[in-house]
Amino acid sequence: MVGGAIALVTRLIRRRLGQELPEEIKSRLSQLPLPVLEDLSEALLDFRSLGNLEQWLASHGNAS
């Protein structure tokens, strides 16, 4: 289930930002637990740049 959530969030971010994600970001996403991925799926609607994603991961990426 987490694998499907990771794939979906990755696709949504790619579509929102209009660019492929760097491997380092993909790796970080793959380590997020499901509740954090769910939060990210809502937050990404406000992202305007890769920097927004990086900031979000910096503040939420270690949550479990």
N, C-alpha and C. Protein backbone atom coordinates (compact mmCIF):
# COMPACT_ATOMS: atom_id res chain seq x y z
N MET A 1 0.82 -1.20 0.00
CA MET A 1 0.00 0.00 0.00
C MET A 1 0.87 1.26 0.00
N VAL A 2 1.94 1.24 0.78
CA VAL A 2 2.82 2.41 0.81
C VAL A 2 3.46 2.62 -0.55
N GLY A 3 3.82 1.52 -1.23
CA GLY A 3 4.43 1.64 -2.56
C GLY A 3 3.52 2.35 -3.55
N GLY A 4 2.24 2.03 -3.49
CA GLY A 4 1.27 2.70 -4.36
C GLY A 4 1.12 4.17 -4.02
N ALA A 5 1.15 4.47 -2.73
CA ALA A 5 1.05 5.87 -2.30
C ALA A 5 2.27 6.66 -2.75
N ILE A 6 3.44 6.06 -2.66
CA ILE A 6 4.67 6.72 -3.10
C ILE A 6 4.60 7.02 -4.59
N ALA A 7 4.16 6.03 -5.37
CA ALA A 7 4.05 6.21 -6.81
C ALA A 7 3.07 7.32 -7.16
N LEU A 8 1.94 7.34 -6.47
CA LEU A 8 0.92 8.37 -6.75
C LEU A 8 1.42 9.76 -6.37
N VAL A 9 1.98 9.90 -5.19
CA VAL A 9 2.49 11.21 -4.76
C VAL A 9 3.59 11.69 -5.70
N THR A 10 4.46 10.78 -6.11
CA THR A 10 5.53 11.14 -7.04
C THR A 10 4.96 11.66 -8.35
N ARG A 11 3.95 10.97 -8.88
CA ARG A 11 3.31 11.41 -10.13
C ARG A 11 2.64 12.77 -9.96
N LEU A 12 1.96 12.96 -8.85
CA LEU A 12 1.29 14.24 -8.61
C LEU A 12 2.28 15.39 -8.50
N ILE A 13 3.38 15.16 -7.80
CA ILE A 13 4.40 16.21 -7.68
C ILE A 13 5.00 16.51 -9.04
N ARG A 14 5.32 15.47 -9.79
CA ARG A 14 5.90 15.66 -11.13
C ARG A 14 4.94 16.47 -12.00
N ARG A 15 3.68 16.17 -11.93
CA ARG A 15 2.68 16.90 -12.73
C ARG A 15 2.55 18.34 -12.24
N ARG A 16 2.55 18.52 -10.93
CA ARG A 16 2.39 19.87 -10.36
C ARG A 16 3.56 20.77 -10.71
N LEU A 17 4.78 20.22 -10.61
CA LEU A 17 5.98 21.03 -10.83
C LEU A 17 6.45 21.02 -12.28
N GLY A 18 5.95 20.09 -13.08
CA GLY A 18 6.32 20.04 -14.48
C GLY A 18 7.74 19.60 -14.74
N GLN A 19 8.28 18.79 -13.84
CA GLN A 19 9.65 18.31 -14.03
C GLN A 19 9.85 16.98 -13.31
N GLU A 20 10.83 16.23 -13.77
CA GLU A 20 11.20 14.99 -13.10
C GLU A 20 11.84 15.31 -11.76
N LEU A 21 11.63 14.43 -10.81
CA LEU A 21 12.23 14.63 -9.49
C LEU A 21 13.64 14.06 -9.45
N PRO A 22 14.55 14.75 -8.79
CA PRO A 22 15.90 14.21 -8.62
C PRO A 22 15.85 12.89 -7.84
N GLU A 23 16.81 12.02 -8.10
CA GLU A 23 16.85 10.72 -7.42
C GLU A 23 16.90 10.87 -5.90
N GLU A 24 17.59 11.88 -5.42
CA GLU A 24 17.69 12.10 -3.97
C GLU A 24 16.31 12.36 -3.36
N ILE A 25 15.48 13.11 -4.07
CA ILE A 25 14.12 13.39 -3.59
C ILE A 25 13.28 12.12 -3.65
N LYS A 26 13.39 11.36 -4.73
CA LYS A 26 12.65 10.10 -4.83
C LYS A 26 13.01 9.16 -3.69
N SER A 27 14.29 9.12 -3.36
CA SER A 27 14.75 8.28 -2.27
C SER A 27 14.14 8.73 -0.94
N ARG A 28 14.11 10.02 -0.73
CA ARG A 28 13.52 10.54 0.51
C ARG A 28 12.03 10.22 0.58
N LEU A 29 11.34 10.35 -0.54
CA LEU A 29 9.91 10.03 -0.57
C LEU A 29 9.66 8.56 -0.24
N SER A 30 10.52 7.69 -0.74
CA SER A 30 10.34 6.25 -0.53
C SER A 30 10.51 5.85 0.93
N GLN A 31 11.08 6.71 1.74
CA GLN A 31 11.29 6.41 3.15
C GLN A 31 10.19 6.96 4.06
N LEU A 32 9.26 7.70 3.49
CA LEU A 32 8.21 8.31 4.31
C LEU A 32 7.13 7.29 4.67
N PRO A 33 6.66 7.32 5.91
CA PRO A 33 5.54 6.46 6.29
C PRO A 33 4.23 6.96 5.68
N LEU A 34 3.25 6.10 5.61
CA LEU A 34 1.98 6.41 4.96
C LEU A 34 1.31 7.69 5.50
N PRO A 35 1.22 7.91 6.81
CA PRO A 35 0.57 9.15 7.27
C PRO A 35 1.26 10.42 6.76
N VAL A 36 2.57 10.38 6.64
CA VAL A 36 3.31 11.55 6.14
C VAL A 36 3.06 11.71 4.64
N LEU A 37 3.00 10.61 3.90
CA LEU A 37 2.68 10.67 2.47
C LEU A 37 1.28 11.26 2.26
N GLU A 38 0.35 10.89 3.14
CA GLU A 38 -1.00 11.45 3.03
C GLU A 38 -0.98 12.96 3.25
N ASP A 39 -0.21 13.41 4.24
CA ASP A 39 -0.08 14.86 4.47
C ASP A 39 0.55 15.54 3.26
N LEU A 40 1.56 14.92 2.69
CA LEU A 40 2.23 15.47 1.52
C LEU A 40 1.29 15.57 0.33
N SER A 41 0.40 14.59 0.19
CA SER A 41 -0.52 14.60 -0.95
C SER A 41 -1.43 15.83 -0.93
N GLU A 42 -1.71 16.36 0.25
CA GLU A 42 -2.49 17.59 0.36
C GLU A 42 -1.59 18.82 0.20
N ALA A 43 -0.45 18.80 0.85
CA ALA A 43 0.45 19.96 0.83
C ALA A 43 0.95 20.27 -0.57
N LEU A 44 1.16 19.24 -1.39
CA LEU A 44 1.74 19.46 -2.72
C LEU A 44 0.86 20.32 -3.62
N LEU A 45 -0.41 20.44 -3.27
CA LEU A 45 -1.30 21.28 -4.07
C LEU A 45 -0.89 22.76 -4.02
N ASP A 46 -0.15 23.13 -2.98
CA ASP A 46 0.31 24.51 -2.83
C ASP A 46 1.72 24.74 -3.34
N PHE A 47 2.42 23.69 -3.73
CA PHE A 47 3.81 23.83 -4.17
C PHE A 47 3.88 24.57 -5.50
N ARG A 48 4.89 25.44 -5.61
CA ARG A 48 5.14 26.16 -6.85
C ARG A 48 6.51 25.82 -7.43
N SER A 49 7.35 25.18 -6.60
CA SER A 49 8.71 24.87 -7.05
C SER A 49 9.25 23.66 -6.30
N LEU A 50 10.34 23.13 -6.81
CA LEU A 50 11.02 22.04 -6.14
C LEU A 50 11.49 22.47 -4.75
N GLY A 51 11.82 23.75 -4.62
CA GLY A 51 12.22 24.28 -3.32
C GLY A 51 11.13 24.14 -2.27
N ASN A 52 9.86 24.32 -2.69
CA ASN A 52 8.75 24.13 -1.76
C ASN A 52 8.71 22.70 -1.25
N LEU A 53 8.91 21.74 -2.15
CA LEU A 53 8.94 20.33 -1.76
C LEU A 53 10.11 20.06 -0.81
N GLU A 54 11.27 20.60 -1.13
CA GLU A 54 12.44 20.38 -0.29
C GLU A 54 12.23 20.96 1.11
N GLN A 55 11.61 22.14 1.19
CA GLN A 55 11.31 22.74 2.50
C GLN A 55 10.33 21.88 3.28
N TRP A 56 9.32 21.38 2.59
CA TRP A 56 8.32 20.54 3.25
C TRP A 56 8.99 19.27 3.78
N LEU A 57 9.81 18.64 2.97
CA LEU A 57 10.49 17.43 3.41
C LEU A 57 11.41 17.70 4.60
N ALA A 58 12.06 18.85 4.59
CA ALA A 58 12.97 19.19 5.70
C ALA A 58 12.20 19.31 7.02
N SER A 59 10.98 19.80 6.94
CA SER A 59 10.22 19.98 8.18
C SER A 59 9.32 18.80 8.54
N HIS A 60 9.03 17.92 7.59
CA HIS A 60 8.14 16.79 7.84
C HIS A 60 8.77 15.43 7.57
N GLY A 61 9.89 15.41 6.91
CA GLY A 61 10.47 14.16 6.45
C GLY A 61 10.89 13.19 7.52
N ASN A 62 11.12 13.66 8.73
CA ASN A 62 11.54 12.77 9.80
C ASN A 62 10.38 12.33 10.67
N ALA A 63 9.17 12.77 10.34
CA ALA A 63 8.01 12.36 11.12
C ALA A 63 7.68 10.91 10.85
N SER A 64 7.15 10.25 11.83
CA SER A 64 6.75 8.85 11.62
C SER A 64 5.40 8.57 12.22
